[in-house]
Amino acid sequence: MASLGDIYDIVNTAIDIAFTQEKYQLNFYDYLDGENFKKDQVVSFINSSLGIAIKHQIEELELYLDGGDRAAFVRESYSWMGKPRARKVKEYLEKIMQDAKNYEQSKRKTRKKRSTTTNK
């Protein structure tokens, strides 16, 4: 059975490949579903330091793409990639996080309706 460490490894590798080789190959939902991860593991990933770092990176990329005075500190960090590539990376990171949230939602237990019986 796959572990939480496997999630970290595959996400880190996918992000590295996205930044260095411009390949956006990870379909995170399909990976989670194929490996049959538990809901608790996915929630742990979303709330982990890696999940939070991805959210911060998305925010920084949004600042870079919007430009302006507030983007001065991130312009130095991301100017090497150019805005079209930064847009692709941001969308990829958003998809990874959205896939995790969608998988977590799909694993929620559904409430069963009570059967109502009438006694005569």
C-alpha atoms as a PDB file:
ATOM      1  CA  MET A   1       0.000   0.000   0.000  1.00  0.00           C
ATOM      2  CA  ALA A   2       1.239   3.459  -0.881  1.00  0.00           C
ATOM      3  CA  SER A   3       2.232   5.817   1.910  1.00  0.00           C
ATOM      4  CA  LEU A   4       2.088   9.545   2.504  1.00  0.00           C
ATOM      5  CA  GLY A   5       5.800   9.720   1.677  1.00  0.00           C
ATOM      6  CA  ASP A   6       4.967   8.426  -1.814  1.00  0.00           C
ATOM      7  CA  ILE A   7       2.645  11.398  -2.328  1.00  0.00           C
ATOM      8  CA  TYR A   8       5.392  13.816  -1.294  1.00  0.00           C
ATOM      9  CA  ASP A   9       7.916  12.121  -3.570  1.00  0.00           C
ATOM     10  CA  ILE A  10       5.710  12.126  -6.656  1.00  0.00           C
ATOM     11  CA  VAL A  11       4.527  15.722  -6.156  1.00  0.00           C
ATOM     12  CA  ASN A  12       8.074  17.004  -5.563  1.00  0.00           C
ATOM     13  CA  THR A  13       9.306  15.154  -8.649  1.00  0.00           C
ATOM     14  CA  ALA A  14       6.410  16.456 -10.755  1.00  0.00           C
ATOM     15  CA  ILE A  15       7.069  20.044  -9.661  1.00  0.00           C
ATOM     16  CA  ASP A  16      10.803  19.687 -10.365  1.00  0.00           C
ATOM     17  CA  ILE A  17      10.056  18.361 -13.856  1.00  0.00           C
ATOM     18  CA  ALA A  18       7.566  21.169 -14.483  1.00  0.00           C
ATOM     19  CA  PHE A  19      10.129  23.826 -13.568  1.00  0.00           C
ATOM     20  CA  THR A  20      13.175  22.289 -15.239  1.00  0.00           C
ATOM     21  CA  GLN A  21      11.812  20.468 -18.296  1.00  0.00           C
ATOM     22  CA  GLU A  22       8.450  22.212 -18.843  1.00  0.00           C
ATOM     23  CA  LYS A  23       6.607  18.882 -18.731  1.00  0.00           C
ATOM     24  CA  TYR A  24       3.295  18.755 -16.923  1.00  0.00           C
ATOM     25  CA  GLN A  25       2.657  15.025 -16.749  1.00  0.00           C
ATOM     26  CA  LEU A  26       1.098  14.315 -13.354  1.00  0.00           C
ATOM     27  CA  ASN A  27      -2.621  13.681 -13.253  1.00  0.00           C
ATOM     28  CA  PHE A  28      -2.775  13.696  -9.476  1.00  0.00           C
ATOM     29  CA  TYR A  29      -6.381  12.545  -9.134  1.00  0.00           C
ATOM     30  CA  ASP A  30      -5.741   9.485 -11.291  1.00  0.00           C
ATOM     31  CA  TYR A  31      -2.577   8.721  -9.307  1.00  0.00           C
ATOM     32  CA  LEU A  32      -4.408   8.946  -5.983  1.00  0.00           C
ATOM     33  CA  ASP A  33      -7.284   6.864  -7.282  1.00  0.00           C
ATOM     34  CA  GLY A  34      -5.021   4.262  -8.875  1.00  0.00           C
ATOM     35  CA  GLU A  35      -2.995   3.807  -5.699  1.00  0.00           C
ATOM     36  CA  ASN A  36      -6.201   3.844  -3.620  1.00  0.00           C
ATOM     37  CA  PHE A  37      -5.044   6.403  -1.060  1.00  0.00           C
ATOM     38  CA  LYS A  38      -7.179   6.995   1.996  1.00  0.00           C
ATOM     39  CA  LYS A  39      -8.964  10.280   2.581  1.00  0.00           C
ATOM     40  CA  ASP A  40      -6.898  10.947   5.722  1.00  0.00           C
ATOM     41  CA  GLN A  41      -3.657  10.679   3.769  1.00  0.00           C
ATOM     42  CA  VAL A  42      -4.844  13.203   1.184  1.00  0.00           C
ATOM     43  CA  VAL A  43      -6.042  15.613   3.887  1.00  0.00           C
ATOM     44  CA  SER A  44      -2.637  15.274   5.554  1.00  0.00           C
ATOM     45  CA  PHE A  45      -0.965  16.173   2.242  1.00  0.00           C
ATOM     46  CA  ILE A  46      -3.214  19.215   1.711  1.00  0.00           C
ATOM     47  CA  ASN A  47      -2.420  20.506   5.220  1.00  0.00           C
ATOM     48  CA  SER A  48       1.260  19.509   5.157  1.00  0.00           C
ATOM     49  CA  SER A  49       4.201  21.839   4.715  1.00  0.00           C
ATOM     50  CA  LEU A  50       4.416  20.782   1.062  1.00  0.00           C
ATOM     51  CA  GLY A  51       0.743  21.562   0.452  1.00  0.00           C
ATOM     52  CA  ILE A  52       1.130  24.944   2.123  1.00  0.00           C
ATOM     53  CA  ALA A  53       4.321  25.655   0.141  1.00  0.00           C
ATOM     54  CA  ILE A  54       2.472  24.907  -3.108  1.00  0.00           C
ATOM     55  CA  LYS A  55      -0.306  27.322  -2.099  1.00  0.00           C
ATOM     56  CA  HIS A  56       2.291  30.027  -1.342  1.00  0.00           C
ATOM     57  CA  GLN A  57       4.012  29.386  -4.643  1.00  0.00           C
ATOM     58  CA  ILE A  58       0.680  29.801  -6.461  1.00  0.00           C
ATOM     59  CA  GLU A  59       0.157  33.130  -4.670  1.00  0.00           C
ATOM     60  CA  GLU A  60       3.673  34.293  -5.612  1.00  0.00           C
ATOM     61  CA  LEU A  61       3.126  33.331  -9.247  1.00  0.00           C
ATOM     62  CA  GLU A  62      -0.172  35.248  -9.237  1.00  0.00           C
ATOM     63  CA  LEU A  63       1.669  38.318  -7.919  1.00  0.00           C
ATOM     64  CA  TYR A  64       4.326  37.929 -10.594  1.00  0.00           C
ATOM     65  CA  LEU A  65       1.727  37.580 -13.339  1.00  0.00           C
ATOM     66  CA  ASP A  66      -0.306  40.574 -12.098  1.00  0.00           C
ATOM     67  CA  GLY A  67       2.772  42.780 -11.894  1.00  0.00           C
ATOM     68  CA  GLY A  68       2.765  46.155 -10.166  1.00  0.00           C
ATOM     69  CA  ASP A  69       4.631  47.425  -7.125  1.00  0.00           C
ATOM     70  CA  ARG A  70       3.604  44.512  -4.901  1.00  0.00           C
ATOM     71  CA  ALA A  71       5.279  42.080  -7.289  1.00  0.00           C
ATOM     72  CA  ALA A  72       8.763  43.569  -6.932  1.00  0.00           C
ATOM     73  CA  PHE A  73      10.021  40.896  -4.535  1.00  0.00           C
ATOM     74  CA  VAL A  74       8.739  37.979  -6.642  1.00  0.00           C
ATOM     75  CA  ARG A  75       9.792  39.473  -9.962  1.00  0.00           C
ATOM     76  CA  GLU A  76      13.387  38.686  -9.060  1.00  0.00           C
ATOM     77  CA  SER A  77      12.488  35.069  -8.264  1.00  0.00           C
ATOM     78  CA  TYR A  78      10.411  34.244 -11.329  1.00  0.00           C
ATOM     79  CA  SER A  79      11.555  36.603 -14.095  1.00  0.00           C
ATOM     80  CA  TRP A  80      13.837  33.903 -15.543  1.00  0.00           C
ATOM     81  CA  MET A  81      10.827  31.862 -16.672  1.00  0.00           C
ATOM     82  CA  GLY A  82       8.769  34.510 -18.412  1.00  0.00           C
ATOM     83  CA  LYS A  83       5.053  35.075 -17.944  1.00  0.00           C
ATOM     84  CA  PRO A  84       3.669  32.454 -20.368  1.00  0.00           C
ATOM     85  CA  ARG A  85       5.651  29.701 -18.675  1.00  0.00           C
ATOM     86  CA  ALA A  86       4.807  31.066 -15.210  1.00  0.00           C
ATOM     87  CA  ARG A  87       1.132  30.926 -16.158  1.00  0.00           C
ATOM     88  CA  LYS A  88       1.462  27.252 -17.163  1.00  0.00           C
ATOM     89  CA  VAL A  89       3.290  26.345 -13.958  1.00  0.00           C
ATOM     90  CA  LYS A  90       0.694  28.172 -11.848  1.00  0.00           C
ATOM     91  CA  GLU A  91      -2.157  26.346 -13.579  1.00  0.00           C
ATOM     92  CA  TYR A  92      -0.345  23.033 -13.080  1.00  0.00           C
ATOM     93  CA  LEU A  93       0.158  23.657  -9.361  1.00  0.00           C
ATOM     94  CA  GLU A  94      -3.487  24.697  -9.022  1.00  0.00           C
ATOM     95  CA  LYS A  95      -4.550  21.488 -10.763  1.00  0.00           C
ATOM     96  CA  ILE A  96      -2.480  19.373  -8.368  1.00  0.00           C
ATOM     97  CA  MET A  97      -4.114  21.003  -5.343  1.00  0.00           C
ATOM     98  CA  GLN A  98      -7.587  20.879  -6.904  1.00  0.00           C
ATOM     99  CA  ASP A  99      -7.158  17.190  -7.748  1.00  0.00           C
ATOM    100  CA  ALA A 100      -6.251  16.520  -4.106  1.00  0.00           C
ATOM    101  CA  LYS A 101      -9.347  18.379  -2.905  1.00  0.00           C
ATOM    102  CA  ASN A 102     -11.576  16.611  -5.431  1.00  0.00           C
ATOM    103  CA  TYR A 103     -10.213  13.215  -4.383  1.00  0.00           C
ATOM    104  CA  GLU A 104     -10.776  14.061  -0.728  1.00  0.00           C
ATOM    105  CA  GLN A 105     -14.382  15.034  -1.554  1.00  0.00           C
ATOM    106  CA  SER A 106     -14.948  11.817  -3.488  1.00  0.00           C
ATOM    107  CA  LYS A 107     -13.791   9.738  -0.520  1.00  0.00           C
ATOM    108  CA  ARG A 108     -16.244  11.286   1.924  1.00  0.00           C
ATOM    109  CA  LYS A 109     -18.705   8.936   3.447  1.00  0.00           C
ATOM    110  CA  THR A 110     -22.199   9.562   2.199  1.00  0.00           C
ATOM    111  CA  ARG A 111     -25.093   9.612   4.548  1.00  0.00           C
ATOM    112  CA  LYS A 112     -27.573   6.877   4.149  1.00  0.00           C
ATOM    113  CA  LYS A 113     -31.185   7.847   4.301  1.00  0.00           C
ATOM    114  CA  ARG A 114     -33.170   6.338   7.089  1.00  0.00           C
ATOM    115  CA  SER A 115     -35.836   3.999   6.070  1.00  0.00           C
ATOM    116  CA  THR A 116     -39.141   5.148   7.402  1.00  0.00           C
ATOM    117  CA  THR A 117     -41.533   2.450   8.323  1.00  0.00           C
ATOM    118  CA  THR A 118     -45.019   3.023   9.547  1.00  0.00           C
ATOM    119  CA  ASN A 119     -46.529   0.734  12.095  1.00  0.00           C
ATOM    120  CA  LYS A 120     -50.220  -0.034  11.669  1.00  0.00           C
END
